[in-house]
């Protein structure tokens, strides 16, 4: 069984996740750790729970979701995975941060790319990769069918959707992908969002004003 641990980090309140199972192997999703105390909290959490980090997998590469990539990659000596269509966001990490008034360090290129219909594997667990562009061209989500979980990044929020006004965003594409790729999942799937609280697929189908 996959355990999902959420950390609300950096000045934008981004949700960073550690996922692990009974083996102790863990993955980081969207590490946005920015402050030194956030770095220490993560190191303490991994040590206290006897976890073995194996990889970083990002839903997308907007700056608030990659602030902690280099820290995690260097601290735990693990690879960083993202979708190829978001490479330009990684290359522009410093400029992204400056645009919003934040100091960002360079982020090295992804070690490998995430492909739709493939799986992120760790321990005894695996998550299906689903490509859901619209918020960013390389946005993916991670679906755990057995555990009924969806790590959704900035595609779908509680009562809302991701913004589409940044380069590579498209409103019609986002709406179409949510309806055709996410709303076909079971209603009781728990959605872990890139910002804000969790929600359920069924709840968003019934109540989300952007999608009904």
N, C-alpha and C. Protein backbone atom coordinates (compact mmCIF):
# COMPACT_ATOMS: atom_id res chain seq x y z
N UNK A 1 0.84 -1.20 0.00
CA UNK A 1 0.00 0.00 0.00
C UNK A 1 0.87 1.25 0.00
N UNK A 2 0.49 2.21 -0.83
CA UNK A 2 1.27 3.45 -0.94
C UNK A 2 0.82 4.44 0.12
N UNK A 3 1.79 5.01 0.83
CA UNK A 3 1.51 6.11 1.76
C UNK A 3 1.93 7.41 1.09
N UNK A 4 1.06 8.41 1.17
CA UNK A 4 1.33 9.72 0.57
C UNK A 4 1.54 10.72 1.70
N UNK A 5 2.71 11.35 1.71
CA UNK A 5 3.02 12.38 2.71
C UNK A 5 3.16 13.72 1.99
N UNK A 6 2.38 14.69 2.42
CA UNK A 6 2.36 16.01 1.78
C UNK A 6 3.14 17.02 2.62
N UNK A 7 3.93 17.85 1.94
CA UNK A 7 4.64 18.95 2.58
C UNK A 7 4.26 20.23 1.86
N UNK A 8 3.69 21.19 2.57
CA UNK A 8 3.33 22.48 1.98
C UNK A 8 4.53 23.40 2.13
N UNK A 9 5.12 23.79 1.00
CA UNK A 9 6.43 24.44 1.03
C UNK A 9 6.50 25.67 0.15
N UNK A 10 7.58 26.37 0.29
CA UNK A 10 8.00 27.56 -0.46
C UNK A 10 6.98 28.69 -0.35
N UNK A 11 7.35 29.88 -0.82
CA UNK A 11 6.46 31.03 -0.63
C UNK A 11 5.10 30.92 -1.33
N UNK A 12 4.96 29.98 -2.26
CA UNK A 12 3.70 29.85 -2.99
C UNK A 12 2.83 28.72 -2.45
N UNK A 13 3.21 28.14 -1.33
CA UNK A 13 2.40 27.09 -0.72
C UNK A 13 2.20 25.88 -1.62
N UNK A 14 3.28 25.48 -2.29
CA UNK A 14 3.22 24.34 -3.20
C UNK A 14 3.23 23.04 -2.41
N UNK A 15 2.48 22.05 -2.90
CA UNK A 15 2.44 20.74 -2.26
C UNK A 15 3.51 19.83 -2.87
N UNK A 16 4.49 19.48 -2.05
CA UNK A 16 5.50 18.49 -2.43
C UNK A 16 5.15 17.18 -1.75
N UNK A 17 5.43 16.08 -2.43
CA UNK A 17 5.02 14.78 -1.91
C UNK A 17 6.18 13.80 -1.83
N UNK A 18 6.13 12.97 -0.77
CA UNK A 18 6.93 11.77 -0.70
C UNK A 18 5.95 10.59 -0.67
N UNK A 19 6.15 9.65 -1.58
CA UNK A 19 5.33 8.44 -1.63
C UNK A 19 6.22 7.24 -1.32
N UNK A 20 5.73 6.34 -0.48
CA UNK A 20 6.50 5.14 -0.18
C UNK A 20 5.57 4.00 0.19
N UNK A 21 6.12 2.78 0.17
CA UNK A 21 5.33 1.62 0.54
C UNK A 21 6.05 0.81 1.61
N UNK A 22 5.60 -0.42 1.82
CA UNK A 22 6.10 -1.24 2.92
C UNK A 22 7.57 -1.61 2.78
N UNK A 23 8.14 -1.44 1.58
CA UNK A 23 9.57 -1.75 1.39
C UNK A 23 10.47 -0.64 1.92
N UNK A 24 9.92 0.55 2.08
CA UNK A 24 10.73 1.71 2.48
C UNK A 24 11.27 2.50 1.31
N UNK A 25 11.16 1.96 0.09
CA UNK A 25 11.56 2.74 -1.08
C UNK A 25 10.58 3.90 -1.26
N UNK A 26 11.11 5.06 -1.62
CA UNK A 26 10.25 6.24 -1.76
C UNK A 26 10.62 7.04 -3.00
N UNK A 27 9.67 7.82 -3.46
CA UNK A 27 9.89 8.76 -4.54
C UNK A 27 9.46 10.16 -4.08
N UNK A 28 10.08 11.16 -4.65
CA UNK A 28 9.68 12.55 -4.45
C UNK A 28 8.89 12.98 -5.68
N UNK A 29 7.76 13.64 -5.45
CA UNK A 29 7.00 14.22 -6.56
C UNK A 29 6.90 15.72 -6.35
N UNK A 30 7.35 16.47 -7.36
CA UNK A 30 7.29 17.94 -7.35
C UNK A 30 7.99 18.55 -6.13
N UNK A 31 9.27 18.26 -5.91
CA UNK A 31 9.96 18.83 -4.74
C UNK A 31 10.17 20.33 -4.90
N UNK A 32 9.36 21.10 -4.17
CA UNK A 32 9.45 22.55 -4.24
C UNK A 32 10.13 23.17 -3.04
N UNK A 33 10.89 22.37 -2.30
CA UNK A 33 11.53 22.83 -1.07
C UNK A 33 12.46 24.01 -1.36
N UNK A 34 12.24 25.10 -0.64
CA UNK A 34 12.93 26.36 -0.94
C UNK A 34 13.79 26.83 0.22
N UNK A 35 13.26 26.76 1.43
CA UNK A 35 13.98 27.27 2.59
C UNK A 35 14.84 26.18 3.22
N UNK A 36 15.87 26.60 3.94
CA UNK A 36 16.78 25.65 4.57
C UNK A 36 16.05 24.75 5.56
N UNK A 37 15.09 25.32 6.28
CA UNK A 37 14.35 24.50 7.25
C UNK A 37 13.51 23.44 6.55
N UNK A 38 13.07 23.72 5.32
CA UNK A 38 12.35 22.70 4.55
C UNK A 38 13.29 21.58 4.14
N UNK A 39 14.50 21.93 3.77
CA UNK A 39 15.50 20.91 3.45
C UNK A 39 15.75 20.02 4.66
N UNK A 40 15.89 20.61 5.81
CA UNK A 40 16.17 19.83 7.02
C UNK A 40 14.98 18.94 7.38
N UNK A 41 13.78 19.45 7.21
CA UNK A 41 12.59 18.66 7.51
C UNK A 41 12.53 17.40 6.65
N UNK A 42 12.89 17.54 5.39
CA UNK A 42 12.86 16.39 4.49
C UNK A 42 13.93 15.38 4.88
N UNK A 43 15.12 15.84 5.16
CA UNK A 43 16.18 14.91 5.58
C UNK A 43 15.78 14.17 6.84
N UNK A 44 15.18 14.89 7.78
CA UNK A 44 14.74 14.27 9.03
C UNK A 44 13.64 13.24 8.76
N UNK A 45 12.71 13.58 7.88
CA UNK A 45 11.59 12.68 7.61
C UNK A 45 12.08 11.37 6.99
N UNK A 46 12.98 11.49 6.03
CA UNK A 46 13.52 10.30 5.38
C UNK A 46 14.26 9.43 6.39
N UNK A 47 15.07 10.06 7.23
CA UNK A 47 15.86 9.29 8.22
C UNK A 47 14.95 8.66 9.26
N UNK A 48 14.01 9.42 9.80
CA UNK A 48 13.17 8.91 10.89
C UNK A 48 12.24 7.79 10.43
N UNK A 49 11.91 7.76 9.14
CA UNK A 49 11.03 6.73 8.63
C UNK A 49 11.78 5.62 7.89
N UNK A 50 13.11 5.67 7.99
CA UNK A 50 13.96 4.63 7.38
C UNK A 50 13.65 4.43 5.90
N UNK A 51 13.53 5.54 5.18
CA UNK A 51 13.18 5.48 3.77
C UNK A 51 14.43 5.44 2.89
N UNK A 52 14.26 4.87 1.70
CA UNK A 52 15.32 4.83 0.70
C UNK A 52 14.83 5.55 -0.54
N UNK A 53 15.23 6.81 -0.75
CA UNK A 53 14.80 7.53 -1.94
C UNK A 53 15.37 6.88 -3.20
N UNK A 54 14.51 6.77 -4.23
CA UNK A 54 14.96 6.14 -5.47
C UNK A 54 14.84 7.04 -6.70
N UNK A 55 13.93 8.02 -6.68
CA UNK A 55 13.81 8.89 -7.85
C UNK A 55 12.95 10.11 -7.53
N UNK A 56 13.09 11.12 -8.39
CA UNK A 56 12.25 12.32 -8.39
C UNK A 56 11.42 12.27 -9.66
N UNK A 57 10.10 12.42 -9.54
CA UNK A 57 9.24 12.45 -10.72
C UNK A 57 8.34 13.68 -10.63
N UNK A 58 8.40 14.53 -11.62
CA UNK A 58 7.64 15.77 -11.58
C UNK A 58 6.40 15.73 -12.47
N UNK A 59 5.31 16.28 -11.94
CA UNK A 59 4.12 16.41 -12.77
C UNK A 59 4.37 17.42 -13.88
N UNK A 60 5.08 18.49 -13.55
CA UNK A 60 5.45 19.50 -14.53
C UNK A 60 6.61 20.30 -13.95
N UNK A 61 7.09 21.29 -14.71
CA UNK A 61 8.34 21.93 -14.31
C UNK A 61 8.24 23.44 -14.16
N UNK A 62 7.09 23.96 -13.76
CA UNK A 62 7.03 25.35 -13.35
C UNK A 62 7.92 25.54 -12.12
N UNK A 63 8.43 26.75 -11.96
CA UNK A 63 9.52 26.97 -11.01
C UNK A 63 9.19 26.56 -9.58
N UNK A 64 7.94 26.75 -9.15
CA UNK A 64 7.60 26.44 -7.76
C UNK A 64 7.57 24.94 -7.50
N UNK A 65 7.56 24.14 -8.57
CA UNK A 65 7.56 22.69 -8.42
C UNK A 65 8.95 22.07 -8.60
N UNK A 66 9.93 22.90 -8.97
CA UNK A 66 11.30 22.37 -9.15
C UNK A 66 12.32 23.08 -8.26
N UNK A 67 11.86 23.93 -7.35
CA UNK A 67 12.78 24.65 -6.48
C UNK A 67 13.70 23.72 -5.69
N UNK A 68 13.20 22.54 -5.35
CA UNK A 68 13.99 21.63 -4.53
C UNK A 68 14.61 20.46 -5.28
N UNK A 69 14.50 20.46 -6.60
CA UNK A 69 15.00 19.32 -7.37
C UNK A 69 16.49 19.09 -7.15
N UNK A 70 17.29 20.16 -7.26
CA UNK A 70 18.74 19.97 -7.13
C UNK A 70 19.14 19.57 -5.72
N UNK A 71 18.46 20.13 -4.73
CA UNK A 71 18.74 19.72 -3.34
C UNK A 71 18.49 18.23 -3.17
N UNK A 72 17.32 17.76 -3.60
CA UNK A 72 16.97 16.35 -3.43
C UNK A 72 17.89 15.46 -4.26
N UNK A 73 18.14 15.85 -5.49
CA UNK A 73 18.98 15.04 -6.37
C UNK A 73 20.39 14.90 -5.80
N UNK A 74 20.94 15.97 -5.26
CA UNK A 74 22.30 15.92 -4.71
C UNK A 74 22.36 15.27 -3.34
N UNK A 75 21.34 15.52 -2.52
CA UNK A 75 21.34 14.98 -1.16
C UNK A 75 21.22 13.45 -1.18
N UNK A 76 20.36 12.92 -2.04
CA UNK A 76 20.07 11.49 -2.03
C UNK A 76 20.64 10.73 -3.22
N UNK A 77 21.31 11.47 -4.13
CA UNK A 77 21.97 10.85 -5.29
C UNK A 77 20.97 10.02 -6.11
N UNK A 78 19.87 10.65 -6.50
CA UNK A 78 18.83 9.97 -7.24
C UNK A 78 18.50 10.74 -8.52
N UNK A 79 17.96 10.08 -9.54
CA UNK A 79 17.66 10.73 -10.82
C UNK A 79 16.36 11.53 -10.78
N UNK A 80 16.28 12.47 -11.71
CA UNK A 80 15.14 13.36 -11.86
C UNK A 80 14.46 13.06 -13.19
N UNK A 81 13.15 12.78 -13.12
CA UNK A 81 12.36 12.45 -14.31
C UNK A 81 11.29 13.53 -14.53
N UNK A 82 11.09 13.90 -15.79
CA UNK A 82 10.03 14.83 -16.17
C UNK A 82 9.65 14.53 -17.62
N UNK A 83 8.56 15.13 -18.08
CA UNK A 83 8.14 14.95 -19.47
C UNK A 83 8.98 15.84 -20.38
N UNK A 84 9.31 15.33 -21.56
CA UNK A 84 10.19 16.05 -22.49
C UNK A 84 9.61 17.40 -22.92
N UNK A 85 8.29 17.52 -22.96
CA UNK A 85 7.68 18.76 -23.41
C UNK A 85 7.84 19.90 -22.41
N UNK A 86 8.30 19.60 -21.21
CA UNK A 86 8.56 20.66 -20.22
C UNK A 86 10.04 20.97 -20.05
N UNK A 87 10.87 20.48 -20.96
CA UNK A 87 12.31 20.74 -20.88
C UNK A 87 12.61 22.23 -20.85
N UNK A 88 11.87 23.01 -21.65
CA UNK A 88 12.14 24.44 -21.72
C UNK A 88 11.92 25.14 -20.39
N UNK A 89 10.99 24.61 -19.55
CA UNK A 89 10.78 25.21 -18.24
C UNK A 89 11.97 24.93 -17.32
N UNK A 90 12.56 23.76 -17.44
CA UNK A 90 13.76 23.46 -16.65
C UNK A 90 14.91 24.37 -17.07
N UNK A 91 15.07 24.55 -18.36
CA UNK A 91 16.14 25.41 -18.87
C UNK A 91 15.96 26.86 -18.43
N UNK A 92 14.72 27.27 -18.22
CA UNK A 92 14.43 28.66 -17.85
C UNK A 92 14.13 28.81 -16.35
N UNK A 93 14.63 27.89 -15.53
CA UNK A 93 14.30 27.91 -14.10
C UNK A 93 14.64 29.23 -13.43
N UNK A 94 15.82 29.75 -13.68
CA UNK A 94 16.25 31.01 -13.04
C UNK A 94 15.36 32.16 -13.51
N UNK A 95 15.12 32.23 -14.81
CA UNK A 95 14.27 33.30 -15.35
C UNK A 95 12.84 33.19 -14.83
N UNK A 96 12.34 31.96 -14.70
CA UNK A 96 11.00 31.77 -14.14
C UNK A 96 10.90 32.39 -12.76
N UNK A 97 11.87 32.05 -11.91
CA UNK A 97 11.87 32.56 -10.55
C UNK A 97 11.93 34.07 -10.51
N UNK A 98 12.81 34.64 -11.33
CA UNK A 98 12.98 36.09 -11.36
C UNK A 98 11.70 36.79 -11.80
N UNK A 99 10.96 36.16 -12.70
CA UNK A 99 9.71 36.74 -13.20
C UNK A 99 8.71 36.94 -12.07
N UNK A 100 8.79 36.06 -11.05
CA UNK A 100 7.87 36.14 -9.92
C UNK A 100 8.55 36.66 -8.65
N UNK A 101 9.79 37.15 -8.80
CA UNK A 101 10.47 37.78 -7.67
C UNK A 101 11.21 36.84 -6.75
N UNK A 102 11.57 35.64 -7.23
CA UNK A 102 12.27 34.68 -6.40
C UNK A 102 13.65 34.36 -6.97
N UNK A 103 14.59 34.15 -6.07
CA UNK A 103 15.92 33.70 -6.50
C UNK A 103 15.88 32.19 -6.71
N UNK A 104 16.30 31.76 -7.87
CA UNK A 104 16.33 30.34 -8.21
C UNK A 104 17.72 29.97 -8.67
N UNK A 105 18.19 28.80 -8.27
CA UNK A 105 19.43 28.26 -8.82
C UNK A 105 19.12 27.50 -10.11
N UNK A 106 20.14 27.31 -10.91
CA UNK A 106 19.98 26.51 -12.12
C UNK A 106 19.54 25.09 -11.75
N UNK A 107 18.71 24.51 -12.59
CA UNK A 107 18.31 23.12 -12.43
C UNK A 107 18.87 22.34 -13.62
N UNK A 108 19.65 21.32 -13.34
CA UNK A 108 20.25 20.52 -14.40
C UNK A 108 19.16 19.76 -15.15
N UNK A 109 19.45 19.36 -16.39
CA UNK A 109 18.45 18.66 -17.18
C UNK A 109 17.96 17.37 -16.51
N UNK A 110 16.77 16.96 -16.88
CA UNK A 110 16.23 15.70 -16.38
C UNK A 110 17.14 14.55 -16.79
N UNK A 111 17.24 13.56 -15.92
CA UNK A 111 18.06 12.38 -16.23
C UNK A 111 17.36 11.44 -17.20
N UNK A 112 16.05 11.48 -17.24
CA UNK A 112 15.27 10.64 -18.15
C UNK A 112 13.88 11.26 -18.26
N UNK A 113 13.13 10.81 -19.26
CA UNK A 113 11.82 11.40 -19.53
C UNK A 113 10.68 10.43 -19.20
N UNK A 114 9.58 11.02 -18.76
CA UNK A 114 8.36 10.27 -18.46
C UNK A 114 7.54 10.13 -19.73
N UNK A 115 7.01 8.93 -19.96
CA UNK A 115 6.22 8.67 -21.15
C UNK A 115 4.83 8.19 -20.77
N UNK A 116 3.83 8.70 -21.46
CA UNK A 116 2.45 8.30 -21.19
C UNK A 116 2.29 6.79 -21.37
N UNK A 117 1.47 6.21 -20.52
CA UNK A 117 1.15 4.78 -20.50
C UNK A 117 2.25 3.92 -19.88
N UNK A 118 3.39 4.52 -19.57
CA UNK A 118 4.40 3.79 -18.82
C UNK A 118 4.12 3.97 -17.33
N UNK A 119 5.00 3.44 -16.48
CA UNK A 119 4.77 3.45 -15.04
C UNK A 119 5.99 3.97 -14.29
N UNK A 120 5.73 4.67 -13.20
CA UNK A 120 6.76 5.00 -12.22
C UNK A 120 6.75 3.88 -11.18
N UNK A 121 7.86 3.20 -11.01
CA UNK A 121 7.91 2.06 -10.12
C UNK A 121 8.85 2.31 -8.95
N UNK A 122 8.44 1.85 -7.76
CA UNK A 122 9.28 1.92 -6.57
C UNK A 122 8.79 0.86 -5.60
N UNK A 123 9.74 0.18 -4.94
CA UNK A 123 9.35 -0.88 -4.03
C UNK A 123 8.44 -1.88 -4.72
N UNK A 124 7.30 -2.17 -4.08
CA UNK A 124 6.31 -3.08 -4.66
C UNK A 124 5.21 -2.33 -5.40
N UNK A 125 5.40 -1.05 -5.64
CA UNK A 125 4.33 -0.19 -6.14
C UNK A 125 4.64 0.38 -7.51
N UNK A 126 3.56 0.81 -8.17
CA UNK A 126 3.74 1.50 -9.43
C UNK A 126 2.58 2.46 -9.67
N UNK A 127 2.89 3.53 -10.39
CA UNK A 127 1.93 4.57 -10.72
C UNK A 127 1.90 4.74 -12.23
N UNK A 128 0.71 4.77 -12.79
CA UNK A 128 0.57 4.98 -14.23
C UNK A 128 0.79 6.44 -14.57
N UNK A 129 1.52 6.68 -15.66
CA UNK A 129 1.77 8.04 -16.14
C UNK A 129 0.70 8.41 -17.17
N UNK A 130 0.00 9.51 -16.92
CA UNK A 130 -1.03 10.00 -17.84
C UNK A 130 -0.65 11.42 -18.25
N UNK A 131 -0.51 11.67 -19.54
CA UNK A 131 -0.14 12.99 -20.04
C UNK A 131 -1.38 13.87 -20.12
N UNK A 132 -1.35 14.99 -19.40
CA UNK A 132 -2.52 15.88 -19.32
C UNK A 132 -2.07 17.33 -19.56
N UNK A 133 -1.72 17.67 -20.80
CA UNK A 133 -1.31 19.05 -21.07
C UNK A 133 -2.47 20.02 -20.96
N UNK A 134 -2.12 21.29 -20.92
CA UNK A 134 -3.11 22.37 -20.80
C UNK A 134 -2.63 23.42 -19.83
N UNK A 135 -2.16 22.97 -18.66
CA UNK A 135 -1.51 23.88 -17.71
C UNK A 135 -0.08 24.14 -18.16
N UNK A 136 0.60 23.09 -18.53
CA UNK A 136 1.89 23.17 -19.21
C UNK A 136 1.93 22.05 -20.23
N UNK A 137 2.74 22.18 -21.27
CA UNK A 137 2.69 21.18 -22.35
C UNK A 137 3.16 19.79 -21.93
N UNK A 138 4.02 19.73 -20.90
CA UNK A 138 4.53 18.44 -20.46
C UNK A 138 3.92 17.96 -19.16
N UNK A 139 2.75 18.45 -18.83
CA UNK A 139 2.15 18.07 -17.55
C UNK A 139 1.67 16.62 -17.59
N UNK A 140 2.07 15.86 -16.57
CA UNK A 140 1.58 14.49 -16.41
C UNK A 140 0.97 14.36 -15.02
N UNK A 141 0.18 13.33 -14.84
CA UNK A 141 -0.33 12.97 -13.52
C UNK A 141 0.04 11.52 -13.26
N UNK A 142 0.04 11.13 -11.99
CA UNK A 142 0.42 9.78 -11.61
C UNK A 142 -0.75 9.09 -10.92
N UNK A 143 -1.19 7.99 -11.50
CA UNK A 143 -2.40 7.31 -11.03
C UNK A 143 -2.06 5.94 -10.44
N UNK A 144 -2.46 5.75 -9.18
CA UNK A 144 -2.30 4.47 -8.52
C UNK A 144 -3.64 3.77 -8.46
N UNK A 145 -3.89 2.86 -9.37
CA UNK A 145 -5.21 2.21 -9.46
C UNK A 145 -5.53 1.42 -8.19
N UNK A 146 -4.58 0.66 -7.70
CA UNK A 146 -4.81 -0.19 -6.54
C UNK A 146 -5.15 0.62 -5.31
N UNK A 147 -4.46 1.75 -5.12
CA UNK A 147 -4.65 2.58 -3.93
C UNK A 147 -5.65 3.70 -4.15
N UNK A 148 -6.18 3.81 -5.37
CA UNK A 148 -7.17 4.83 -5.71
C UNK A 148 -6.67 6.24 -5.40
N UNK A 149 -5.46 6.54 -5.90
CA UNK A 149 -4.88 7.86 -5.70
C UNK A 149 -4.45 8.45 -7.03
N UNK A 150 -4.50 9.77 -7.12
CA UNK A 150 -4.05 10.51 -8.29
C UNK A 150 -3.23 11.70 -7.81
N UNK A 151 -1.96 11.73 -8.18
CA UNK A 151 -1.12 12.90 -7.89
C UNK A 151 -1.25 13.80 -9.10
N UNK A 152 -1.98 14.91 -8.93
CA UNK A 152 -2.49 15.65 -10.09
C UNK A 152 -1.75 16.93 -10.41
N UNK A 153 -0.75 17.32 -9.62
CA UNK A 153 -0.06 18.57 -9.92
C UNK A 153 -1.03 19.73 -9.99
N UNK A 154 -0.86 20.57 -11.02
CA UNK A 154 -1.66 21.78 -11.14
C UNK A 154 -2.73 21.67 -12.23
N UNK A 155 -3.17 20.45 -12.53
CA UNK A 155 -4.23 20.27 -13.50
C UNK A 155 -5.60 20.51 -12.88
N UNK A 156 -5.85 19.83 -11.76
CA UNK A 156 -7.17 19.86 -11.12
C UNK A 156 -7.01 20.18 -9.65
N UNK A 157 -7.80 21.13 -9.17
CA UNK A 157 -7.80 21.51 -7.76
C UNK A 157 -9.19 21.30 -7.16
N UNK A 158 -9.26 21.45 -5.86
CA UNK A 158 -10.56 21.42 -5.17
C UNK A 158 -11.38 22.61 -5.67
N UNK A 159 -12.39 22.33 -6.48
CA UNK A 159 -13.27 23.38 -6.98
C UNK A 159 -12.67 24.28 -8.04
N UNK A 160 -11.54 23.89 -8.61
CA UNK A 160 -10.90 24.77 -9.58
C UNK A 160 -10.03 23.94 -10.53
N UNK A 161 -9.33 24.65 -11.42
CA UNK A 161 -8.42 24.02 -12.38
C UNK A 161 -7.14 24.85 -12.44
N UNK A 162 -6.13 24.32 -13.10
CA UNK A 162 -4.88 25.04 -13.24
C UNK A 162 -4.99 26.24 -14.18
N UNK A 163 -4.14 27.21 -13.96
CA UNK A 163 -4.11 28.38 -14.85
C UNK A 163 -3.60 27.97 -16.22
N UNK A 164 -3.99 28.71 -17.23
CA UNK A 164 -3.61 28.35 -18.60
C UNK A 164 -2.99 29.53 -19.35
N UNK A 165 -2.59 30.58 -18.60
CA UNK A 165 -2.09 31.79 -19.25
C UNK A 165 -0.57 31.85 -19.35
N UNK A 166 0.13 30.82 -18.88
CA UNK A 166 1.59 30.79 -19.01
C UNK A 166 1.96 30.14 -20.34
N UNK A 167 3.20 30.36 -20.82
CA UNK A 167 3.61 29.77 -22.12
C UNK A 167 3.35 28.27 -22.17
N UNK A 168 2.72 27.85 -23.25
CA UNK A 168 2.41 26.44 -23.43
C UNK A 168 1.08 26.01 -22.84
N UNK A 169 0.39 26.92 -22.16
CA UNK A 169 -0.91 26.62 -21.58
C UNK A 169 -2.03 26.79 -22.60
N UNK A 170 -3.12 26.04 -22.40
CA UNK A 170 -4.26 26.17 -23.31
C UNK A 170 -5.51 25.72 -22.57
N UNK A 171 -6.47 26.61 -22.44
CA UNK A 171 -7.67 26.34 -21.65
C UNK A 171 -8.49 25.18 -22.23
N UNK A 172 -8.76 25.21 -23.52
CA UNK A 172 -9.59 24.16 -24.13
C UNK A 172 -8.91 22.81 -24.01
N UNK A 173 -7.60 22.78 -24.17
CA UNK A 173 -6.85 21.53 -24.04
C UNK A 173 -6.95 20.98 -22.63
N UNK A 174 -6.82 21.86 -21.66
CA UNK A 174 -6.89 21.43 -20.27
C UNK A 174 -8.26 20.85 -19.93
N UNK A 175 -9.32 21.57 -20.28
CA UNK A 175 -10.67 21.09 -19.98
C UNK A 175 -10.93 19.75 -20.64
N UNK A 176 -10.55 19.62 -21.91
CA UNK A 176 -10.75 18.38 -22.64
C UNK A 176 -10.01 17.22 -21.98
N UNK A 177 -8.77 17.46 -21.58
CA UNK A 177 -7.97 16.39 -20.97
C UNK A 177 -8.51 15.97 -19.61
N UNK A 178 -8.96 16.93 -18.81
CA UNK A 178 -9.54 16.58 -17.52
C UNK A 178 -10.77 15.69 -17.71
N UNK A 179 -11.63 16.08 -18.62
CA UNK A 179 -12.87 15.33 -18.83
C UNK A 179 -12.61 13.95 -19.44
N UNK A 180 -11.67 13.87 -20.38
CA UNK A 180 -11.48 12.64 -21.13
C UNK A 180 -10.45 11.69 -20.53
N UNK A 181 -9.55 12.23 -19.69
CA UNK A 181 -8.50 11.38 -19.14
C UNK A 181 -8.60 11.19 -17.62
N UNK A 182 -9.14 12.19 -16.92
CA UNK A 182 -9.23 12.09 -15.46
C UNK A 182 -10.63 11.71 -14.99
N UNK A 183 -11.65 12.25 -15.61
CA UNK A 183 -13.01 11.98 -15.16
C UNK A 183 -13.50 10.58 -15.55
N UNK A 184 -12.67 9.82 -16.26
CA UNK A 184 -12.99 8.42 -16.53
C UNK A 184 -12.48 7.52 -15.40
N UNK A 185 -11.72 8.08 -14.46
CA UNK A 185 -11.22 7.31 -13.31
C UNK A 185 -12.35 7.13 -12.30
N UNK A 186 -12.24 6.15 -11.40
CA UNK A 186 -13.31 5.93 -10.41
C UNK A 186 -13.59 7.17 -9.58
N UNK A 187 -14.86 7.37 -9.27
CA UNK A 187 -15.29 8.55 -8.52
C UNK A 187 -14.61 8.65 -7.15
N UNK A 188 -14.27 7.52 -6.54
CA UNK A 188 -13.68 7.56 -5.19
C UNK A 188 -12.16 7.69 -5.20
N UNK A 189 -11.58 8.01 -6.37
CA UNK A 189 -10.15 8.27 -6.45
C UNK A 189 -9.82 9.57 -5.72
N UNK A 190 -8.87 9.51 -4.79
CA UNK A 190 -8.43 10.71 -4.08
C UNK A 190 -7.43 11.47 -4.93
N UNK A 191 -7.69 12.76 -5.11
CA UNK A 191 -6.83 13.63 -5.92
C UNK A 191 -5.95 14.47 -5.00
N UNK A 192 -4.64 14.27 -5.11
CA UNK A 192 -3.68 15.06 -4.37
C UNK A 192 -3.18 16.17 -5.29
N UNK A 193 -3.51 17.40 -4.95
CA UNK A 193 -3.30 18.55 -5.84
C UNK A 193 -1.94 19.21 -5.61
N UNK A 194 -1.54 20.04 -6.58
CA UNK A 194 -0.27 20.75 -6.46
C UNK A 194 -0.32 21.92 -5.51
N UNK A 195 -1.50 22.39 -5.18
CA UNK A 195 -1.72 23.44 -4.19
C UNK A 195 -3.07 23.14 -3.53
N UNK A 196 -3.20 23.47 -2.27
CA UNK A 196 -4.49 23.34 -1.61
C UNK A 196 -4.81 21.92 -1.16
N UNK A 197 -6.07 21.71 -0.75
CA UNK A 197 -6.46 20.42 -0.15
C UNK A 197 -6.71 19.34 -1.19
N UNK A 198 -6.85 18.10 -0.69
CA UNK A 198 -7.20 16.98 -1.55
C UNK A 198 -8.68 17.08 -1.95
N UNK A 199 -9.03 16.30 -2.97
CA UNK A 199 -10.42 16.22 -3.39
C UNK A 199 -10.67 14.83 -3.95
N UNK A 200 -11.85 14.61 -4.52
CA UNK A 200 -12.21 13.32 -5.12
C UNK A 200 -12.67 13.56 -6.56
N UNK A 201 -12.39 12.58 -7.41
CA UNK A 201 -12.82 12.70 -8.81
C UNK A 201 -14.33 12.90 -8.90
N UNK A 202 -15.09 12.11 -8.17
CA UNK A 202 -16.54 12.22 -8.24
C UNK A 202 -17.06 13.58 -7.80
N UNK A 203 -16.46 14.10 -6.73
CA UNK A 203 -16.87 15.42 -6.22
C UNK A 203 -16.63 16.49 -7.27
N UNK A 204 -15.49 16.45 -7.94
CA UNK A 204 -15.19 17.47 -8.94
C UNK A 204 -16.09 17.33 -10.16
N UNK A 205 -16.43 16.11 -10.53
CA UNK A 205 -17.36 15.90 -11.65
C UNK A 205 -18.72 16.52 -11.36
N UNK A 206 -19.14 16.45 -10.11
CA UNK A 206 -20.47 16.95 -9.74
C UNK A 206 -20.50 18.45 -9.46
N UNK A 207 -19.39 19.01 -8.98
CA UNK A 207 -19.45 20.36 -8.41
C UNK A 207 -18.49 21.39 -9.00
N UNK A 208 -17.45 20.97 -9.69
CA UNK A 208 -16.44 21.93 -10.15
C UNK A 208 -17.05 22.85 -11.21
N UNK A 209 -17.10 24.17 -10.94
CA UNK A 209 -17.79 25.08 -11.85
C UNK A 209 -17.15 25.18 -13.23
N UNK A 210 -15.90 24.81 -13.36
CA UNK A 210 -15.23 24.86 -14.67
C UNK A 210 -15.55 23.64 -15.52
N UNK A 211 -16.15 22.62 -14.89
CA UNK A 211 -16.24 21.31 -15.56
C UNK A 211 -17.64 20.74 -15.63
N UNK A 212 -18.63 21.51 -15.18
CA UNK A 212 -20.02 21.02 -15.25
C UNK A 212 -20.85 21.90 -16.17
